[in-house]
PDB file of N, CA and C in Angstrom:
ATOM      1  N   MET A   1     105.784 119.930  83.232  1.00  0.00           N
ATOM      2  CA  MET A   1     106.693 119.533  84.159  1.00  0.00           C
ATOM      3  C   MET A   1     107.201 120.481  84.006  1.00  0.00           C
ATOM      4  N   GLU A   2     107.276 121.623  83.402  1.00  0.00           N
ATOM      5  CA  GLU A   2     108.610 122.960  83.166  1.00  0.00           C
ATOM      6  C   GLU A   2     108.163 123.735  84.964  1.00  0.00           C
ATOM      7  N   HIS A   3     106.615 123.720  84.733  1.00  0.00           N
ATOM      8  CA  HIS A   3     106.004 124.318  86.378  1.00  0.00           C
ATOM      9  C   HIS A   3     106.174 122.755  88.361  1.00  0.00           C
ATOM     10  N   VAL A   4     106.733 122.267  87.504  1.00  0.00           N
ATOM     11  CA  VAL A   4     107.082 120.925  89.337  1.00  0.00           C
ATOM     12  C   VAL A   4     108.913 121.731  89.121  1.00  0.00           C
ATOM     13  N   ALA A   5     109.452 121.126  87.753  1.00  0.00           N
ATOM     14  CA  ALA A   5     110.223 121.638  88.145  1.00  0.00           C
ATOM     15  C   ALA A   5     111.072 122.982  88.776  1.00  0.00           C
ATOM     16  N   LYS A   6     110.126 124.205  88.390  1.00  0.00           N
ATOM     17  CA  LYS A   6     110.645 125.126  89.230  1.00  0.00           C
ATOM     18  C   LYS A   6     109.534 125.342  90.524  1.00  0.00           C
ATOM     19  N   LEU A   7     108.611 124.799  90.423  1.00  0.00           N
ATOM     20  CA  LEU A   7     108.605 124.708  92.281  1.00  0.00           C
ATOM     21  C   LEU A   7     109.875 123.550  92.952  1.00  0.00           C
ATOM     22  N   ALA A   8     109.889 122.982  92.022  1.00  0.00           N
ATOM     23  CA  ALA A   8     110.651 122.124  93.251  1.00  0.00           C
ATOM     24  C   ALA A   8     112.409 122.508  93.203  1.00  0.00           C
ATOM     25  N   SER A   9     112.965 123.944  92.393  1.00  0.00           N
ATOM     26  CA  SER A   9     114.358 124.312  93.287  1.00  0.00           C
ATOM     27  C   SER A   9     114.254 125.514  93.731  1.00  0.00           C
ATOM     28  N   GLN A  10     112.585 126.385  94.104  1.00  0.00           N
ATOM     29  CA  GLN A  10     112.685 127.341  94.582  1.00  0.00           C
ATOM     30  C   GLN A  10     112.948 127.114  96.024  1.00  0.00           C
ATOM     31  N   LYS A  11     113.379 125.813  96.724  1.00  0.00           N
ATOM     32  CA  LYS A  11     113.335 125.769  98.324  1.00  0.00           C
ATOM     33  C   LYS A  11     114.116 124.697  98.193  1.00  0.00           C
ATOM     34  N   ALA A  12     115.038 124.292  99.478  1.00  0.00           N
ATOM     35  CA  ALA A  12     115.989 123.487  99.749  1.00  0.00           C
ATOM     36  C   ALA A  12     115.246 121.438  99.918  1.00  0.00           C
ATOM     37  N   VAL A  13     114.078 122.027 100.169  1.00  0.00           N
ATOM     38  CA  VAL A  13     113.373 121.131 100.118  1.00  0.00           C
ATOM     39  C   VAL A  13     111.395 121.099  99.393  1.00  0.00           C
ATOM     40  N   VAL A  14     111.258 120.210  98.965  1.00  0.00           N
ATOM     41  CA  VAL A  14     109.608 120.267  98.227  1.00  0.00           C
ATOM     42  C   VAL A  14     108.944 119.102  98.581  1.00  0.00           C
ATOM     43  N   ILE A  15     108.048 119.041  99.193  1.00  0.00           N
ATOM     44  CA  ILE A  15     107.175 117.721  98.671  1.00  0.00           C
ATOM     45  C   ILE A  15     105.119 118.440  97.816  1.00  0.00           C
ATOM     46  N   PHE A  16     105.228 117.491  96.953  1.00  0.00           N
ATOM     47  CA  PHE A  16     104.177 117.314  96.610  1.00  0.00           C
ATOM     48  C   PHE A  16     103.658 116.297  97.269  1.00  0.00           C
ATOM     49  N   SER A  17     102.310 117.007  97.076  1.00  0.00           N
ATOM     50  CA  SER A  17     101.282 115.728  98.564  1.00  0.00           C
ATOM     51  C   SER A  17     100.061 116.221  97.902  1.00  0.00           C
ATOM     52  N   VAL A  18      99.451 114.746  98.903  1.00  0.00           N
ATOM     53  CA  VAL A  18      97.719 114.750  98.373  1.00  0.00           C
ATOM     54  C   VAL A  18      97.458 114.732  99.904  1.00  0.00           C
ATOM     55  N   SER A  19      97.040 115.884 100.435  1.00  0.00           N
ATOM     56  CA  SER A  19      96.206 116.064 101.584  1.00  0.00           C
ATOM     57  C   SER A  19      95.563 114.966 102.865  1.00  0.00           C
ATOM     58  N   SER A  20      95.168 113.342 101.866  1.00  0.00           N
ATOM     59  CA  SER A  20      94.616 112.735 102.532  1.00  0.00           C
ATOM     60  C   SER A  20      94.999 111.556 102.338  1.00  0.00           C
ATOM     61  N   CYS A  21      96.432 111.325 101.858  1.00  0.00           N
ATOM     62  CA  CYS A  21      97.319 110.361 102.039  1.00  0.00           C
ATOM     63  C   CYS A  21      97.961 109.933 103.300  1.00  0.00           C
ATOM     64  N   CYS A  22      98.718 109.266 103.667  1.00  0.00           N
ATOM     65  CA  CYS A  22      98.585 108.710 105.154  1.00  0.00           C
ATOM     66  C   CYS A  22     100.565 108.498 104.861  1.00  0.00           C
ATOM     67  N   MET A  23     100.806 108.238 103.592  1.00  0.00           N
ATOM     68  CA  MET A  23     102.298 108.236 103.212  1.00  0.00           C
ATOM     69  C   MET A  23     102.362 109.707 102.884  1.00  0.00           C
ATOM     70  N   CYS A  24     102.089 110.445 102.642  1.00  0.00           N
ATOM     71  CA  CYS A  24     102.543 111.909 102.962  1.00  0.00           C
ATOM     72  C   CYS A  24     102.454 112.313 103.934  1.00  0.00           C
ATOM     73  N   HIS A  25     101.215 112.086 104.533  1.00  0.00           N
ATOM     74  CA  HIS A  25     101.109 113.009 105.560  1.00  0.00           C
ATOM     75  C   HIS A  25     103.066 112.187 106.545  1.00  0.00           C
ATOM     76  N   THR A  26     103.494 110.904 106.892  1.00  0.00           N
ATOM     77  CA  THR A  26     104.148 110.516 107.544  1.00  0.00           C
ATOM     78  C   THR A  26     105.749 110.991 106.436  1.00  0.00           C
ATOM     79  N   VAL A  27     106.024 111.503 105.731  1.00  0.00           N
ATOM     80  CA  VAL A  27     107.109 112.337 105.351  1.00  0.00           C
ATOM     81  C   VAL A  27     107.150 113.582 105.647  1.00  0.00           C
ATOM     82  N   LYS A  28     105.841 113.937 105.883  1.00  0.00           N
ATOM     83  CA  LYS A  28     105.343 115.585 105.652  1.00  0.00           C
ATOM     84  C   LYS A  28     105.858 115.304 107.118  1.00  0.00           C
ATOM     85  N   ARG A  29     105.672 114.849 108.201  1.00  0.00           N
ATOM     86  CA  ARG A  29     106.076 115.072 109.786  1.00  0.00           C
ATOM     87  C   ARG A  29     107.496 114.627 110.128  1.00  0.00           C
ATOM     88  N   LEU A  30     107.877 113.487 109.687  1.00  0.00           N
ATOM     89  CA  LEU A  30     109.466 113.439 109.592  1.00  0.00           C
ATOM     90  C   LEU A  30     110.478 114.841 109.390  1.00  0.00           C
ATOM     91  N   PHE A  31     109.848 115.672 108.414  1.00  0.00           N
ATOM     92  CA  PHE A  31     110.576 116.457 107.857  1.00  0.00           C
ATOM     93  C   PHE A  31     110.939 118.435 108.917  1.00  0.00           C
ATOM     94  N   CYS A  32     109.750 117.052 109.319  1.00  0.00           N
ATOM     95  CA  CYS A  32     108.654 118.296 110.169  1.00  0.00           C
ATOM     96  C   CYS A  32     109.652 118.520 112.203  1.00  0.00           C
ATOM     97  N   ASN A  33     109.805 116.883 111.958  1.00  0.00           N
ATOM     98  CA  ASN A  33     110.469 116.852 113.352  1.00  0.00           C
ATOM     99  C   ASN A  33     112.037 116.742 112.992  1.00  0.00           C
ATOM    100  N   LEU A  34     112.495 116.559 111.805  1.00  0.00           N
ATOM    101  CA  LEU A  34     114.236 116.957 111.318  1.00  0.00           C
ATOM    102  C   LEU A  34     113.920 118.722 111.863  1.00  0.00           C
ATOM    103  N   GLY A  35     113.470 119.297 111.788  1.00  0.00           N
ATOM    104  CA  GLY A  35     113.611 120.752 111.785  1.00  0.00           C
ATOM    105  C   GLY A  35     113.279 120.857 110.501  1.00  0.00           C
ATOM    106  N   VAL A  36     113.336 120.638 108.980  1.00  0.00           N
ATOM    107  CA  VAL A  36     113.023 120.759 108.190  1.00  0.00           C
ATOM    108  C   VAL A  36     112.155 121.824 107.592  1.00  0.00           C
ATOM    109  N   ASN A  37     112.480 123.371 106.948  1.00  0.00           N
ATOM    110  CA  ASN A  37     110.654 124.045 106.674  1.00  0.00           C
ATOM    111  C   ASN A  37     110.975 123.553 104.852  1.00  0.00           C
ATOM    112  N   SER A  38     109.978 122.302 105.589  1.00  0.00           N
ATOM    113  CA  SER A  38     109.880 122.571 103.479  1.00  0.00           C
ATOM    114  C   SER A  38     108.737 123.812 102.850  1.00  0.00           C
ATOM    115  N   SER A  39     109.019 123.547 101.985  1.00  0.00           N
ATOM    116  CA  SER A  39     107.617 124.131 100.452  1.00  0.00           C
ATOM    117  C   SER A  39     106.359 122.797 100.200  1.00  0.00           C
ATOM    118  N   ILE A  40     105.148 122.759 100.833  1.00  0.00           N
ATOM    119  CA  ILE A  40     104.436 122.064 100.589  1.00  0.00           C
ATOM    120  C   ILE A  40     103.768 122.181  99.639  1.00  0.00           C
ATOM    121  N   TYR A  41     103.614 121.292  97.902  1.00  0.00           N
ATOM    122  CA  TYR A  41     102.161 121.742  98.222  1.00  0.00           C
ATOM    123  C   TYR A  41     101.108 120.419  97.575  1.00  0.00           C
ATOM    124  N   GLU A  42     100.042 120.603  97.957  1.00  0.00           N
ATOM    125  CA  GLU A  42      98.929 119.293  98.392  1.00  0.00           C
ATOM    126  C   GLU A  42      98.398 119.687  97.143  1.00  0.00           C
ATOM    127  N   LEU A  43      98.150 118.836  96.141  1.00  0.00           N
ATOM    128  CA  LEU A  43      97.968 118.735  95.238  1.00  0.00           C
ATOM    129  C   LEU A  43      96.202 118.426  94.569  1.00  0.00           C
ATOM    130  N   ASP A  44      96.393 117.820  95.801  1.00  0.00           N
ATOM    131  CA  ASP A  44      94.086 117.573  95.946  1.00  0.00           C
ATOM    132  C   ASP A  44      93.602 119.671  96.177  1.00  0.00           C
ATOM    133  N   GLU A  45      94.605 120.390  96.612  1.00  0.00           N
ATOM    134  CA  GLU A  45      94.211 121.470  97.249  1.00  0.00           C
ATOM    135  C   GLU A  45      94.622 123.106  96.406  1.00  0.00           C
ATOM    136  N   LEU A  46      95.691 122.647  95.344  1.00  0.00           N
ATOM    137  CA  LEU A  46      95.522 123.755  94.072  1.00  0.00           C
ATOM    138  C   LEU A  46      94.390 122.974  92.524  1.00  0.00           C
ATOM    139  N   PRO A  47      94.462 124.649  92.127  1.00  0.00           N
ATOM    140  CA  PRO A  47      93.363 123.990  90.291  1.00  0.00           C
ATOM    141  C   PRO A  47      94.077 123.425  89.774  1.00  0.00           C
ATOM    142  N   ASN A  48      95.683 123.449  89.597  1.00  0.00           N
ATOM    143  CA  ASN A  48      96.562 122.516  88.447  1.00  0.00           C
ATOM    144  C   ASN A  48      97.483 121.300  88.993  1.00  0.00           C
ATOM    145  N   GLY A  49      96.694 120.926  90.291  1.00  0.00           N
ATOM    146  CA  GLY A  49      97.207 119.438  90.989  1.00  0.00           C
ATOM    147  C   GLY A  49      97.093 118.929  90.109  1.00  0.00           C
ATOM    148  N   LEU A  50      95.789 118.720  89.449  1.00  0.00           N
ATOM    149  CA  LEU A  50      95.993 117.406  88.770  1.00  0.00           C
ATOM    150  C   LEU A  50      97.200 117.185  87.513  1.00  0.00           C
ATOM    151  N   GLU A  51      97.291 118.079  86.719  1.00  0.00           N
ATOM    152  CA  GLU A  51      97.915 118.817  85.674  1.00  0.00           C
ATOM    153  C   GLU A  51      99.612 118.310  86.357  1.00  0.00           C
ATOM    154  N   MET A  52     100.354 118.678  87.589  1.00  0.00           N
ATOM    155  CA  MET A  52     101.228 118.249  88.219  1.00  0.00           C
ATOM    156  C   MET A  52     101.358 116.917  88.823  1.00  0.00           C
ATOM    157  N   GLU A  53     100.360 116.605  88.987  1.00  0.00           N
ATOM    158  CA  GLU A  53     100.597 114.747  90.083  1.00  0.00           C
ATOM    159  C   GLU A  53     100.874 114.075  88.436  1.00  0.00           C
ATOM    160  N   LYS A  54      99.605 114.380  86.876  1.00  0.00           N
ATOM    161  CA  LYS A  54     101.023 113.885  85.774  1.00  0.00           C
ATOM    162  C   LYS A  54     102.122 114.008  85.656  1.00  0.00           C
ATOM    163  N   ALA A  55     101.703 115.280  85.855  1.00  0.00           N
ATOM    164  CA  ALA A  55     103.754 115.812  85.443  1.00  0.00           C
ATOM    165  C   ALA A  55     104.628 114.737  87.169  1.00  0.00           C
ATOM    166  N   LEU A  56     104.285 114.541  87.844  1.00  0.00           N
ATOM    167  CA  LEU A  56     105.109 113.845  88.948  1.00  0.00           C
ATOM    168  C   LEU A  56     105.437 113.077  87.919  1.00  0.00           C
ATOM    169  N   SER A  57     104.361 111.937  87.625  1.00  0.00           N
ATOM    170  CA  SER A  57     103.722 110.272  87.150  1.00  0.00           C
ATOM    171  C   SER A  57     104.999 110.109  86.677  1.00  0.00           C
ATOM    172  N   LYS A  58     105.050 111.367  85.701  1.00  0.00           N
ATOM    173  CA  LYS A  58     106.017 110.555  84.599  1.00  0.00           C
ATOM    174  C   LYS A  58     107.037 110.794  84.812  1.00  0.00           C
ATOM    175  N   ILE A  59     107.514 111.447  85.553  1.00  0.00           N
ATOM    176  CA  ILE A  59     109.203 111.947  86.037  1.00  0.00           C
ATOM    177  C   ILE A  59     109.721 110.734  86.143  1.00  0.00           C
ATOM    178  N   HIS A  60     108.741 110.260  87.698  1.00  0.00           N
ATOM    179  CA  HIS A  60     109.717 109.152  87.895  1.00  0.00           C
ATOM    180  C   HIS A  60     108.698 108.297  88.181  1.00  0.00           C
ATOM    181  N   GLY A  61     107.977 108.061  86.914  1.00  0.00           N
ATOM    182  CA  GLY A  61     107.138 106.386  86.621  1.00  0.00           C
ATOM    183  C   GLY A  61     106.422 105.858  87.588  1.00  0.00           C
ATOM    184  N   LEU A  62     106.001 106.140  88.841  1.00  0.00           N
ATOM    185  CA  LEU A  62     104.934 105.821  89.886  1.00  0.00           C
ATOM    186  C   LEU A  62     103.675 106.781  89.798  1.00  0.00           C
ATOM    187  N   ASN A  63     102.863 105.823  90.934  1.00  0.00           N
ATOM    188  CA  ASN A  63     102.080 106.174  90.226  1.00  0.00           C
ATOM    189  C   ASN A  63     101.326 105.507  92.005  1.00  0.00           C
ATOM    190  N   PRO A  64     100.811 105.752  93.235  1.00  0.00           N
ATOM    191  CA  PRO A  64     100.456 107.146  93.116  1.00  0.00           C
ATOM    192  C   PRO A  64     102.107 108.066  93.093  1.00  0.00           C
ATOM    193  N   PRO A  65     101.976 109.225  92.064  1.00  0.00           N
ATOM    194  CA  PRO A  65     103.056 109.612  92.485  1.00  0.00           C
ATOM    195  C   PRO A  65     103.232 110.302  93.479  1.00  0.00           C
ATOM    196  N   VAL A  66     102.886 110.169  94.445  1.00  0.00           N
ATOM    197  CA  VAL A  66     103.142 111.391  95.992  1.00  0.00           C
ATOM    198  C   VAL A  66     102.991 110.182  96.732  1.00  0.00           C
ATOM    199  N   PRO A  67     104.343 110.812  98.190  1.00  0.00           N
ATOM    200  CA  PRO A  67     104.175 112.491  98.048  1.00  0.00           C
ATOM    201  C   PRO A  67     105.989 111.865  97.186  1.00  0.00           C
ATOM    202  N   ALA A  68     106.096 113.050  96.418  1.00  0.00           N
ATOM    203  CA  ALA A  68     107.083 113.072  95.754  1.00  0.00           C
ATOM    204  C   ALA A  68     108.057 114.862  97.045  1.00  0.00           C
ATOM    205  N   VAL A  69     108.900 113.568  96.904  1.00  0.00           N
ATOM    206  CA  VAL A  69     109.729 114.634  97.666  1.00  0.00           C
ATOM    207  C   VAL A  69     111.823 115.045  96.382  1.00  0.00           C
ATOM    208  N   PHE A  70     111.800 116.371  96.809  1.00  0.00           N
ATOM    209  CA  PHE A  70     112.492 117.260  95.847  1.00  0.00           C
ATOM    210  C   PHE A  70     113.446 117.856  97.066  1.00  0.00           C
ATOM    211  N   ILE A  71     115.262 117.218  97.257  1.00  0.00           N
ATOM    212  CA  ILE A  71     116.116 118.044  97.904  1.00  0.00           C
ATOM    213  C   ILE A  71     117.341 118.638  97.409  1.00  0.00           C
ATOM    214  N   GLY A  72     118.059 120.232  97.031  1.00  0.00           N
ATOM    215  CA  GLY A  72     118.185 120.343  96.636  1.00  0.00           C
ATOM    216  C   GLY A  72     118.284 121.078  95.140  1.00  0.00           C
ATOM    217  N   GLY A  73     116.764 120.478  94.703  1.00  0.00           N
ATOM    218  CA  GLY A  73     116.229 120.916  93.519  1.00  0.00           C
ATOM    219  C   GLY A  73     115.956 119.838  92.645  1.00  0.00           C
ATOM    220  N   LYS A  74     116.404 118.283  93.325  1.00  0.00           N
ATOM    221  CA  LYS A  74     117.052 116.812  93.103  1.00  0.00           C
ATOM    222  C   LYS A  74     116.326 115.892  93.419  1.00  0.00           C
ATOM    223  N   LEU A  75     114.760 115.563  92.392  1.00  0.00           N
ATOM    224  CA  LEU A  75     113.713 114.088  93.075  1.00  0.00           C
ATOM    225  C   LEU A  75     115.087 112.857  93.748  1.00  0.00           C
ATOM    226  N   VAL A  76     114.102 113.126  94.928  1.00  0.00           N
ATOM    227  CA  VAL A  76     114.934 112.393  95.602  1.00  0.00           C
ATOM    228  C   VAL A  76     113.355 111.251  95.728  1.00  0.00           C
ATOM    229  N   GLY A  77     112.690 111.161  96.077  1.00  0.00           N
ATOM    230  CA  GLY A  77     111.374 109.697  95.500  1.00  0.00           C
ATOM    231  C   GLY A  77     110.768 109.584  96.177  1.00  0.00           C
ATOM    232  N   THR A  78     110.170 109.209  96.563  1.00  0.00           N
ATOM    233  CA  THR A  78     108.825 108.550  97.397  1.00  0.00           C
ATOM    234  C   THR A  78     108.931 108.363  98.524  1.00  0.00           C
ATOM    235  N   THR A  79     107.933 108.098  99.562  1.00  0.00           N
ATOM    236  CA  THR A  79     108.608 107.525 101.233  1.00  0.00           C
ATOM    237  C   THR A  79     109.409 105.942 101.274  1.00  0.00           C
ATOM    238  N   ASP A  80     109.398 105.661 100.424  1.00  0.00           N
ATOM    239  CA  ASP A  80     109.836 104.080 100.386  1.00  0.00           C
ATOM    240  C   ASP A  80     112.170 104.849 100.562  1.00  0.00           C
ATOM    241  N   LYS A  81     111.730 105.454  99.673  1.00  0.00           N
ATOM    242  CA  LYS A  81     113.426 106.577  99.140  1.00  0.00           C
ATOM    243  C   LYS A  81     113.636 107.103 100.442  1.00  0.00           C
ATOM    244  N   ILE A  82     112.673 108.136 100.561  1.00  0.00           N
ATOM    245  CA  ILE A  82     113.168 108.593 101.550  1.00  0.00           C
ATOM    246  C   ILE A  82     112.690 107.903 103.716  1.00  0.00           C
ATOM    247  N   MET A  83     112.251 107.393 103.518  1.00  0.00           N
ATOM    248  CA  MET A  83     112.483 106.300 105.262  1.00  0.00           C
ATOM    249  C   MET A  83     113.949 105.176 104.729  1.00  0.00           C
ATOM    250  N   THR A  84     114.114 104.783 103.896  1.00  0.00           N
ATOM    251  CA  THR A  84     115.313 104.092 103.233  1.00  0.00           C
ATOM    252  C   THR A  84     116.919 104.921 104.024  1.00  0.00           C
ATOM    253  N   LEU A  85     116.739 106.577 103.082  1.00  0.00           N
ATOM    254  CA  LEU A  85     117.596 107.173 103.454  1.00  0.00           C
ATOM    255  C   LEU A  85     117.809 107.916 105.236  1.00  0.00           C
ATOM    256  N   HIS A  86     116.530 107.264 105.417  1.00  0.00           N
ATOM    257  CA  HIS A  86     116.775 108.048 106.696  1.00  0.00           C
ATOM    258  C   HIS A  86     117.160 107.034 107.863  1.00  0.00           C
ATOM    259  N   LEU A  87     116.603 105.558 108.095  1.00  0.00           N
ATOM    260  CA  LEU A  87     117.004 104.619 108.408  1.00  0.00           C
ATOM    261  C   LEU A  87     118.696 104.500 108.675  1.00  0.00           C
ATOM    262  N   SER A  88     118.850 104.505 107.292  1.00  0.00           N
ATOM    263  CA  SER A  88     120.785 104.742 106.791  1.00  0.00           C
ATOM    264  C   SER A  88     121.252 105.251 107.717  1.00  0.00           C
ATOM    265  N   GLY A  89     120.549 106.523 108.139  1.00  0.00           N
ATOM    266  CA  GLY A  89     121.843 107.612 108.046  1.00  0.00           C
ATOM    267  C   GLY A  89     122.467 108.280 107.333  1.00  0.00           C
ATOM    268  N   ASN A  90     121.612 108.788 106.180  1.00  0.00           N
ATOM    269  CA  ASN A  90     122.324 109.771 104.808  1.00  0.00           C
ATOM    270  C   ASN A  90     121.319 110.132 104.241  1.00  0.00           C
ATOM    271  N   LEU A  91     120.282 110.422 105.251  1.00  0.00           N
ATOM    272  CA  LEU A  91     119.110 112.032 104.520  1.00  0.00           C
ATOM    273  C   LEU A  91     120.113 112.944 105.465  1.00  0.00           C
ATOM    274  N   VAL A  92     120.090 113.213 106.337  1.00  0.00           N
ATOM    275  CA  VAL A  92     120.893 114.091 107.602  1.00  0.00           C
ATOM    276  C   VAL A  92     121.880 115.352 106.567  1.00  0.00           C
ATOM    277  N   PRO A  93     122.583 114.317 106.266  1.00  0.00           N
ATOM    278  CA  PRO A  93     124.306 114.659 105.562  1.00  0.00           C
ATOM    279  C   PRO A  93     123.420 115.003 104.241  1.00  0.00           C
ATOM    280  N   LEU A  94     122.448 114.938 103.415  1.00  0.00           N
ATOM    281  CA  LEU A  94     122.064 115.182 102.495  1.00  0.00           C
ATOM    282  C   LEU A  94     121.298 116.110 102.803  1.00  0.00           C
ATOM    283  N   LEU A  95     120.294 116.800 103.292  1.00  0.00           N
ATOM    284  CA  LEU A  95     119.638 117.678 103.528  1.00  0.00           C
ATOM    285  C   LEU A  95     120.687 119.276 104.041  1.00  0.00           C
ATOM    286  N   LYS A  96     121.376 118.340 104.592  1.00  0.00           N
ATOM    287  CA  LYS A  96     122.386 119.219 105.099  1.00  0.00           C
ATOM    288  C   LYS A  96     123.191 120.105 104.119  1.00  0.00           C
ATOM    289  N   ASP A  97     123.840 119.553 103.289  1.00  0.00           N
ATOM    290  CA  ASP A  97     124.154 119.708 102.086  1.00  0.00           C
ATOM    291  C   ASP A  97     123.584 120.311 100.966  1.00  0.00           C
ATOM    292  N   ALA A  98     122.708 120.638 101.515  1.00  0.00           N
ATOM    293  CA  ALA A  98     120.794 121.876 100.359  1.00  0.00           C
ATOM    294  C   ALA A  98     120.664 122.485 101.199  1.00  0.00           C
ATOM    295  N   GLY A  99     121.004 122.851 102.375  1.00  0.00           N
ATOM    296  CA  GLY A  99     120.764 123.664 102.772  1.00  0.00           C
ATOM    297  C   GLY A  99     119.709 123.890 103.748  1.00  0.00           C
ATOM    298  N   ALA A 100     119.019 122.598 104.290  1.00  0.00           N
ATOM    299  CA  ALA A 100     117.649 122.857 104.700  1.00  0.00           C
ATOM    300  C   ALA A 100     118.102 122.235 106.017  1.00  0.00           C
ATOM    301  N   LEU A 101     119.704 122.137 106.683  1.00  0.00           N
ATOM    302  CA  LEU A 101     119.810 122.178 107.862  1.00  0.00           C
ATOM    303  C   LEU A 101     121.079 122.654 108.296  1.00  0.00           C
ATOM    304  N   TRP A 102     121.355 123.822 109.249  1.00  0.00           N
ATOM    305  CA  TRP A 102     122.517 123.510 109.823  1.00  0.00           C
ATOM    306  C   TRP A 102     122.759 123.441 110.470  1.00  0.00           C
ATOM    307  N   LEU A 103     122.555 122.044 111.903  1.00  0.00           N
ATOM    308  CA  LEU A 103     123.482 121.251 113.114  1.00  0.00           C
ATOM    309  C   LEU A 103     123.382 119.808 112.857  1.00  0.00           C
TER     310      LEU A 103
END
């Protein structure tokens, strides 16, 4: 879990993903379209990805635990939470506060 927390705190937006997951793709595209330069970790392509996936599952208790989005080093959630924030107009201010957006 420490490794996940360390990675999550290294950039304003960090996404833990699985390359074949359509929900992960949707979240990654959303951030890209907003102009956010996210750090993306494809767990299925990392040697320790399975351990990281288990740690993420413990952190937020969801299975599957991806996409797991961290903004400003804090876990925001998975697709449903990100989309809820976006549709309510609260995602962009959160990204600005974290330093992921400047405009």
